[in-house]
Structures are given as structure tokens and as C-alpha cells.
Amino acid sequence: MATTRKKKRVLTKQHRAMLLRIVDRRIREVSETVGELEQTNKTREQEDNPAVSLLEASGASHETECAHMLFSREGILLKALMDARQRLALGTYSGLCETCDLPISLARLKAIPETVSCIHHSAA
């Protein structure tokens, strides 16, 4: 079955402005989360007590590993959001999938403004 190619869409100024507001809000949210994770990590480091039991240390180690993974994930997301913000601010973002060059749905862009791929080519 042949797929029909949709006409390429260039985002309007209104769409760019809306997406820029969404990206700015998400950047603030992720930055706050990163700040909270950093504060939690500092608090844990200050509370390090060599007299804790092995079981407590094991649980704390698991929590620390999870916090590091979350911190890394949030850092990657923040970088993607900053890149999206730059593309939107410069007017270089067309809203087209980098893989198939077809338009990314506006609903997808609103939900995941940092995305560079359509739903069919998303890595998830």
C-alpha cells in the first residue's frame, strides 16, 4: 500500500510563539527539578554517617543511584529543550520530522516540544 505524502508545513509565527512559551515553561520545570535533585544530593552527602547499618547503606546506595539516573535524564531533557528553544527563537524549526521530512503533528509538538521526529519515527 502506497503512503501519501502530506504537504510540508512551515510553522506559523503563532505556532512558534505558542511552542516557545511551552518550551520556556518546560525549561523552568526541568530546571527546578534539577535544582531539587542537586539539593537532595547535597543533603545526603552532609548526612553521611559511617555508623549506619549495611542494610541502610544498601538502601541509600540504591536511592543515590536512582537520583543520579534521574539527574542524568533531566539533564538530557534540559539540553533538548534548550536546543528546541534556540531553533524556535531563530526561526529555523520547521516542525518537520528529521527522518521522513513529513510534518510532526501540532498535538505532538505541544506535548513534546523538543521532539525532532514524528510519531512513526520516535525512538520510544
N, C-alpha and C. Protein backbone atom coordinates (compact mmCIF):
# COMPACT_ATOMS: atom_id res chain seq x y z
N MET A 1 0.84 -1.16 0.00
CA MET A 1 0.00 0.00 0.00
C MET A 1 0.90 1.24 0.00
N ALA A 2 0.68 2.13 -0.91
CA ALA A 2 1.49 3.33 -1.03
C ALA A 2 1.03 4.36 0.00
N THR A 3 2.00 5.03 0.62
CA THR A 3 1.64 6.07 1.56
C THR A 3 1.60 7.41 0.83
N THR A 4 0.66 8.20 1.20
CA THR A 4 0.56 9.52 0.57
C THR A 4 1.38 10.51 1.36
N ARG A 5 2.13 11.31 0.66
CA ARG A 5 2.98 12.30 1.31
C ARG A 5 2.15 13.56 1.56
N LYS A 6 2.19 14.02 2.78
CA LYS A 6 1.48 15.24 3.13
C LYS A 6 2.31 16.44 2.68
N LYS A 7 1.62 17.51 2.45
CA LYS A 7 2.29 18.75 2.09
C LYS A 7 3.12 19.22 3.28
N LYS A 8 4.33 19.67 3.00
CA LYS A 8 5.19 20.17 4.07
C LYS A 8 4.58 21.41 4.69
N ARG A 9 4.61 21.44 6.00
CA ARG A 9 4.04 22.57 6.72
C ARG A 9 5.17 23.36 7.36
N VAL A 10 5.11 24.63 7.21
CA VAL A 10 6.02 25.52 7.91
C VAL A 10 5.22 26.10 9.07
N LEU A 11 5.80 26.06 10.26
CA LEU A 11 5.08 26.57 11.42
C LEU A 11 4.82 28.06 11.27
N THR A 12 3.63 28.46 11.63
CA THR A 12 3.29 29.88 11.58
C THR A 12 3.95 30.59 12.76
N LYS A 13 3.96 31.92 12.70
CA LYS A 13 4.51 32.71 13.81
C LYS A 13 3.76 32.41 15.10
N GLN A 14 2.44 32.24 14.98
CA GLN A 14 1.62 31.96 16.16
C GLN A 14 2.00 30.60 16.76
N HIS A 15 2.20 29.60 15.89
CA HIS A 15 2.61 28.28 16.38
C HIS A 15 3.97 28.35 17.04
N ARG A 16 4.91 29.06 16.42
CA ARG A 16 6.26 29.20 17.01
C ARG A 16 6.18 29.88 18.38
N ALA A 17 5.38 30.96 18.46
CA ALA A 17 5.24 31.68 19.73
C ALA A 17 4.63 30.78 20.81
N MET A 18 3.61 30.02 20.44
CA MET A 18 2.97 29.10 21.38
C MET A 18 3.97 28.04 21.84
N LEU A 19 4.69 27.45 20.89
CA LEU A 19 5.66 26.41 21.24
C LEU A 19 6.80 26.98 22.08
N LEU A 20 7.20 28.21 21.80
CA LEU A 20 8.25 28.86 22.57
C LEU A 20 7.80 29.04 24.03
N ARG A 21 6.55 29.41 24.23
CA ARG A 21 6.03 29.54 25.60
C ARG A 21 6.02 28.19 26.30
N ILE A 22 5.61 27.15 25.58
CA ILE A 22 5.58 25.81 26.16
C ILE A 22 7.00 25.36 26.52
N VAL A 23 7.94 25.59 25.62
CA VAL A 23 9.34 25.20 25.87
C VAL A 23 9.89 25.97 27.07
N ASP A 24 9.62 27.27 27.13
CA ASP A 24 10.10 28.06 28.27
C ASP A 24 9.54 27.53 29.59
N ARG A 25 8.26 27.17 29.60
CA ARG A 25 7.65 26.61 30.82
C ARG A 25 8.31 25.29 31.20
N ARG A 26 8.52 24.43 30.20
CA ARG A 26 9.15 23.13 30.47
C ARG A 26 10.59 23.30 30.95
N ILE A 27 11.31 24.28 30.39
CA ILE A 27 12.69 24.54 30.84
C ILE A 27 12.68 24.94 32.31
N ARG A 28 11.74 25.80 32.69
CA ARG A 28 11.64 26.20 34.11
C ARG A 28 11.35 24.99 35.00
N GLU A 29 10.40 24.15 34.56
CA GLU A 29 10.03 22.97 35.35
C GLU A 29 11.20 22.01 35.51
N VAL A 30 11.89 21.73 34.42
CA VAL A 30 13.02 20.80 34.48
C VAL A 30 14.16 21.40 35.29
N SER A 31 14.40 22.70 35.13
CA SER A 31 15.46 23.36 35.90
C SER A 31 15.16 23.28 37.40
N GLU A 32 13.90 23.45 37.78
CA GLU A 32 13.52 23.32 39.19
C GLU A 32 13.76 21.90 39.68
N THR A 33 13.41 20.91 38.87
CA THR A 33 13.64 19.52 39.25
C THR A 33 15.13 19.24 39.43
N VAL A 34 15.94 19.74 38.51
CA VAL A 34 17.39 19.56 38.61
C VAL A 34 17.91 20.22 39.88
N GLY A 35 17.43 21.41 40.18
CA GLY A 35 17.83 22.11 41.40
C GLY A 35 17.45 21.32 42.65
N GLU A 36 16.25 20.76 42.66
CA GLU A 36 15.81 19.95 43.80
C GLU A 36 16.66 18.70 43.94
N LEU A 37 17.01 18.07 42.82
CA LEU A 37 17.86 16.88 42.87
C LEU A 37 19.25 17.23 43.41
N GLU A 38 19.79 18.36 42.97
CA GLU A 38 21.10 18.80 43.47
C GLU A 38 21.04 19.05 44.97
N GLN A 39 19.97 19.70 45.43
CA GLN A 39 19.83 19.99 46.86
C GLN A 39 19.70 18.70 47.66
N THR A 40 18.92 17.75 47.15
CA THR A 40 18.76 16.46 47.82
C THR A 40 20.09 15.74 47.91
N ASN A 41 20.86 15.78 46.84
CA ASN A 41 22.17 15.13 46.83
C ASN A 41 23.11 15.76 47.85
N LYS A 42 23.11 17.10 47.93
CA LYS A 42 23.95 17.80 48.91
C LYS A 42 23.55 17.42 50.33
N THR A 43 22.24 17.34 50.57
CA THR A 43 21.74 16.99 51.90
C THR A 43 22.18 15.57 52.26
N ARG A 44 22.09 14.65 51.33
CA ARG A 44 22.51 13.27 51.60
C ARG A 44 24.00 13.19 51.90
N GLU A 45 24.80 13.95 51.14
CA GLU A 45 26.25 13.95 51.37
C GLU A 45 26.57 14.48 52.76
N GLN A 46 25.83 15.50 53.22
CA GLN A 46 26.07 16.07 54.54
C GLN A 46 25.64 15.12 55.64
N GLU A 47 24.67 14.26 55.34
CA GLU A 47 24.15 13.33 56.35
C GLU A 47 24.90 12.01 56.36
N ASP A 48 25.94 11.87 55.54
CA ASP A 48 26.70 10.62 55.52
C ASP A 48 27.16 10.28 56.93
N ASN A 49 26.81 9.08 57.37
CA ASN A 49 27.16 8.65 58.71
C ASN A 49 27.78 7.26 58.61
N PRO A 50 29.04 7.11 58.99
CA PRO A 50 29.70 5.81 58.88
C PRO A 50 29.12 4.76 59.80
N ALA A 51 28.29 5.15 60.76
CA ALA A 51 27.73 4.19 61.71
C ALA A 51 26.44 3.54 61.23
N VAL A 52 25.99 3.84 60.00
CA VAL A 52 24.74 3.23 59.52
C VAL A 52 24.95 1.75 59.24
N SER A 53 23.86 1.01 59.34
CA SER A 53 23.94 -0.43 59.10
C SER A 53 24.15 -0.71 57.62
N LEU A 54 24.58 -1.90 57.32
CA LEU A 54 24.81 -2.32 55.93
C LEU A 54 23.51 -2.25 55.14
N LEU A 55 22.40 -2.64 55.76
CA LEU A 55 21.10 -2.61 55.08
C LEU A 55 20.71 -1.17 54.76
N GLU A 56 20.90 -0.26 55.70
CA GLU A 56 20.59 1.14 55.45
C GLU A 56 21.48 1.71 54.36
N ALA A 57 22.75 1.34 54.39
CA ALA A 57 23.69 1.83 53.38
C ALA A 57 23.31 1.32 52.00
N SER A 58 22.85 0.06 51.95
CA SER A 58 22.44 -0.52 50.68
C SER A 58 21.24 0.24 50.11
N GLY A 59 20.27 0.55 50.94
CA GLY A 59 19.10 1.31 50.51
C GLY A 59 19.48 2.70 50.07
N ALA A 60 20.36 3.34 50.82
CA ALA A 60 20.81 4.69 50.47
C ALA A 60 21.58 4.67 49.15
N SER A 61 22.36 3.63 48.94
CA SER A 61 23.12 3.50 47.70
C SER A 61 22.18 3.37 46.51
N HIS A 62 21.13 2.58 46.67
CA HIS A 62 20.14 2.42 45.60
C HIS A 62 19.44 3.76 45.32
N GLU A 63 19.07 4.47 46.38
CA GLU A 63 18.43 5.78 46.21
C GLU A 63 19.36 6.75 45.50
N THR A 64 20.63 6.72 45.86
CA THR A 64 21.61 7.61 45.23
C THR A 64 21.76 7.27 43.76
N GLU A 65 21.81 5.99 43.43
CA GLU A 65 21.92 5.56 42.03
C GLU A 65 20.70 6.01 41.23
N CYS A 66 19.52 5.87 41.81
CA CYS A 66 18.29 6.31 41.13
C CYS A 66 18.31 7.82 40.94
N ALA A 67 18.77 8.55 41.95
CA ALA A 67 18.83 10.01 41.85
C ALA A 67 19.80 10.43 40.75
N HIS A 68 20.93 9.74 40.63
CA HIS A 68 21.89 10.05 39.57
C HIS A 68 21.30 9.77 38.19
N MET A 69 20.57 8.67 38.06
CA MET A 69 19.94 8.34 36.78
C MET A 69 18.90 9.40 36.42
N LEU A 70 18.10 9.81 37.39
CA LEU A 70 17.09 10.83 37.16
C LEU A 70 17.74 12.16 36.81
N PHE A 71 18.82 12.50 37.52
CA PHE A 71 19.54 13.74 37.25
C PHE A 71 20.09 13.73 35.83
N SER A 72 20.64 12.60 35.40
CA SER A 72 21.17 12.47 34.04
C SER A 72 20.06 12.63 33.01
N ARG A 73 18.95 11.96 33.25
CA ARG A 73 17.81 12.04 32.32
C ARG A 73 17.28 13.47 32.21
N GLU A 74 17.16 14.14 33.34
CA GLU A 74 16.67 15.51 33.34
C GLU A 74 17.66 16.44 32.64
N GLY A 75 18.96 16.15 32.77
CA GLY A 75 19.97 16.95 32.09
C GLY A 75 19.86 16.81 30.58
N ILE A 76 19.63 15.60 30.12
CA ILE A 76 19.46 15.34 28.68
C ILE A 76 18.22 16.06 28.17
N LEU A 77 17.12 15.98 28.94
CA LEU A 77 15.88 16.66 28.56
C LEU A 77 16.09 18.17 28.52
N LEU A 78 16.79 18.70 29.52
CA LEU A 78 17.03 20.15 29.55
C LEU A 78 17.83 20.59 28.33
N LYS A 79 18.82 19.81 27.93
CA LYS A 79 19.62 20.14 26.73
C LYS A 79 18.73 20.13 25.48
N ALA A 80 17.87 19.12 25.36
CA ALA A 80 16.97 19.03 24.20
C ALA A 80 16.01 20.21 24.18
N LEU A 81 15.51 20.61 25.34
CA LEU A 81 14.61 21.76 25.42
C LEU A 81 15.33 23.05 25.05
N MET A 82 16.56 23.20 25.51
CA MET A 82 17.34 24.40 25.18
C MET A 82 17.62 24.45 23.67
N ASP A 83 17.92 23.31 23.08
CA ASP A 83 18.13 23.26 21.63
C ASP A 83 16.85 23.63 20.88
N ALA A 84 15.71 23.10 21.34
CA ALA A 84 14.43 23.41 20.71
C ALA A 84 14.13 24.90 20.84
N ARG A 85 14.43 25.46 22.00
CA ARG A 85 14.18 26.89 22.22
C ARG A 85 15.01 27.73 21.25
N GLN A 86 16.25 27.33 21.06
CA GLN A 86 17.12 28.08 20.14
C GLN A 86 16.59 28.01 18.71
N ARG A 87 16.17 26.80 18.27
CA ARG A 87 15.63 26.66 16.92
C ARG A 87 14.37 27.49 16.73
N LEU A 88 13.50 27.48 17.74
CA LEU A 88 12.26 28.26 17.65
C LEU A 88 12.55 29.76 17.65
N ALA A 89 13.46 30.19 18.53
CA ALA A 89 13.78 31.62 18.62
C ALA A 89 14.44 32.13 17.34
N LEU A 90 15.26 31.29 16.70
CA LEU A 90 15.94 31.69 15.47
C LEU A 90 15.05 31.52 14.24
N GLY A 91 13.93 30.83 14.41
CA GLY A 91 13.02 30.60 13.28
C GLY A 91 13.50 29.51 12.35
N THR A 92 14.41 28.65 12.84
CA THR A 92 14.95 27.58 11.98
C THR A 92 14.21 26.26 12.14
N TYR A 93 13.22 26.23 13.02
CA TYR A 93 12.50 24.98 13.26
C TYR A 93 11.24 24.96 12.41
N SER A 94 11.15 23.97 11.54
CA SER A 94 10.01 23.90 10.61
C SER A 94 8.89 23.00 11.10
N GLY A 95 9.16 22.16 12.09
CA GLY A 95 8.15 21.22 12.56
C GLY A 95 8.07 19.97 11.71
N LEU A 96 9.15 19.71 10.95
CA LEU A 96 9.20 18.51 10.10
C LEU A 96 10.05 17.44 10.75
N CYS A 97 9.67 16.20 10.55
CA CYS A 97 10.42 15.06 11.07
C CYS A 97 11.79 15.01 10.39
N GLU A 98 12.84 14.84 11.20
CA GLU A 98 14.19 14.77 10.64
C GLU A 98 14.42 13.50 9.83
N THR A 99 13.59 12.48 10.05
CA THR A 99 13.76 11.20 9.35
C THR A 99 13.02 11.17 8.02
N CYS A 100 11.72 11.51 8.05
CA CYS A 100 10.91 11.37 6.84
C CYS A 100 10.55 12.70 6.19
N ASP A 101 10.86 13.80 6.85
CA ASP A 101 10.61 15.13 6.32
C ASP A 101 9.12 15.45 6.20
N LEU A 102 8.29 14.72 6.94
CA LEU A 102 6.86 14.99 6.98
C LEU A 102 6.55 15.81 8.23
N PRO A 103 5.43 16.53 8.23
CA PRO A 103 5.09 17.36 9.40
C PRO A 103 4.88 16.54 10.66
N ILE A 104 5.38 17.06 11.75
CA ILE A 104 5.11 16.50 13.08
C ILE A 104 3.78 17.13 13.51
N SER A 105 2.88 16.33 14.02
CA SER A 105 1.57 16.87 14.38
C SER A 105 1.72 17.95 15.45
N LEU A 106 0.86 18.95 15.36
CA LEU A 106 0.89 20.05 16.32
C LEU A 106 0.61 19.52 17.73
N ALA A 107 -0.28 18.54 17.83
CA ALA A 107 -0.57 17.95 19.14
C ALA A 107 0.69 17.33 19.74
N ARG A 108 1.49 16.64 18.92
CA ARG A 108 2.75 16.04 19.39
C ARG A 108 3.73 17.13 19.80
N LEU A 109 3.83 18.18 19.01
CA LEU A 109 4.74 19.28 19.33
C LEU A 109 4.34 19.97 20.63
N LYS A 110 3.05 20.09 20.88
CA LYS A 110 2.60 20.70 22.14
C LYS A 110 2.96 19.81 23.32
N ALA A 111 2.82 18.50 23.15
CA ALA A 111 3.12 17.56 24.24
C ALA A 111 4.61 17.36 24.45
N ILE A 112 5.37 17.33 23.35
CA ILE A 112 6.81 17.08 23.40
C ILE A 112 7.50 18.10 22.50
N PRO A 113 7.57 19.35 22.94
CA PRO A 113 8.07 20.41 22.05
C PRO A 113 9.53 20.24 21.63
N GLU A 114 10.27 19.43 22.33
CA GLU A 114 11.68 19.21 21.97
C GLU A 114 11.86 18.13 20.92
N THR A 115 10.77 17.48 20.51
CA THR A 115 10.89 16.36 19.57
C THR A 115 11.36 16.84 18.18
N VAL A 116 12.09 15.95 17.52
CA VAL A 116 12.54 16.23 16.15
C VAL A 116 12.05 15.16 15.20
N SER A 117 11.13 14.30 15.72
CA SER A 117 10.62 13.22 14.87
C SER A 117 9.12 13.05 15.04
N CYS A 118 8.51 12.55 13.98
CA CYS A 118 7.08 12.27 14.03
C CYS A 118 6.85 11.02 14.89
N ILE A 119 5.61 10.73 15.14
CA ILE A 119 5.26 9.57 15.99
C ILE A 119 5.77 8.27 15.39
N HIS A 120 5.82 8.17 14.07
CA HIS A 120 6.26 6.95 13.42
C HIS A 120 7.76 6.72 13.52
N HIS A 121 8.52 7.78 13.73
CA HIS A 121 9.97 7.65 13.81
C HIS A 121 10.52 7.99 15.19
N SER A 122 9.66 8.02 16.18
CA SER A 122 10.13 8.29 17.54
C SER A 122 10.88 7.09 18.07
N ALA A 123 11.88 7.33 18.86
CA ALA A 123 12.72 6.25 19.41
C ALA A 123 11.99 5.47 20.48
N ALA A 124 11.00 6.10 21.10
CA ALA A 124 10.26 5.43 22.19
C ALA A 124 9.36 4.40 21.59
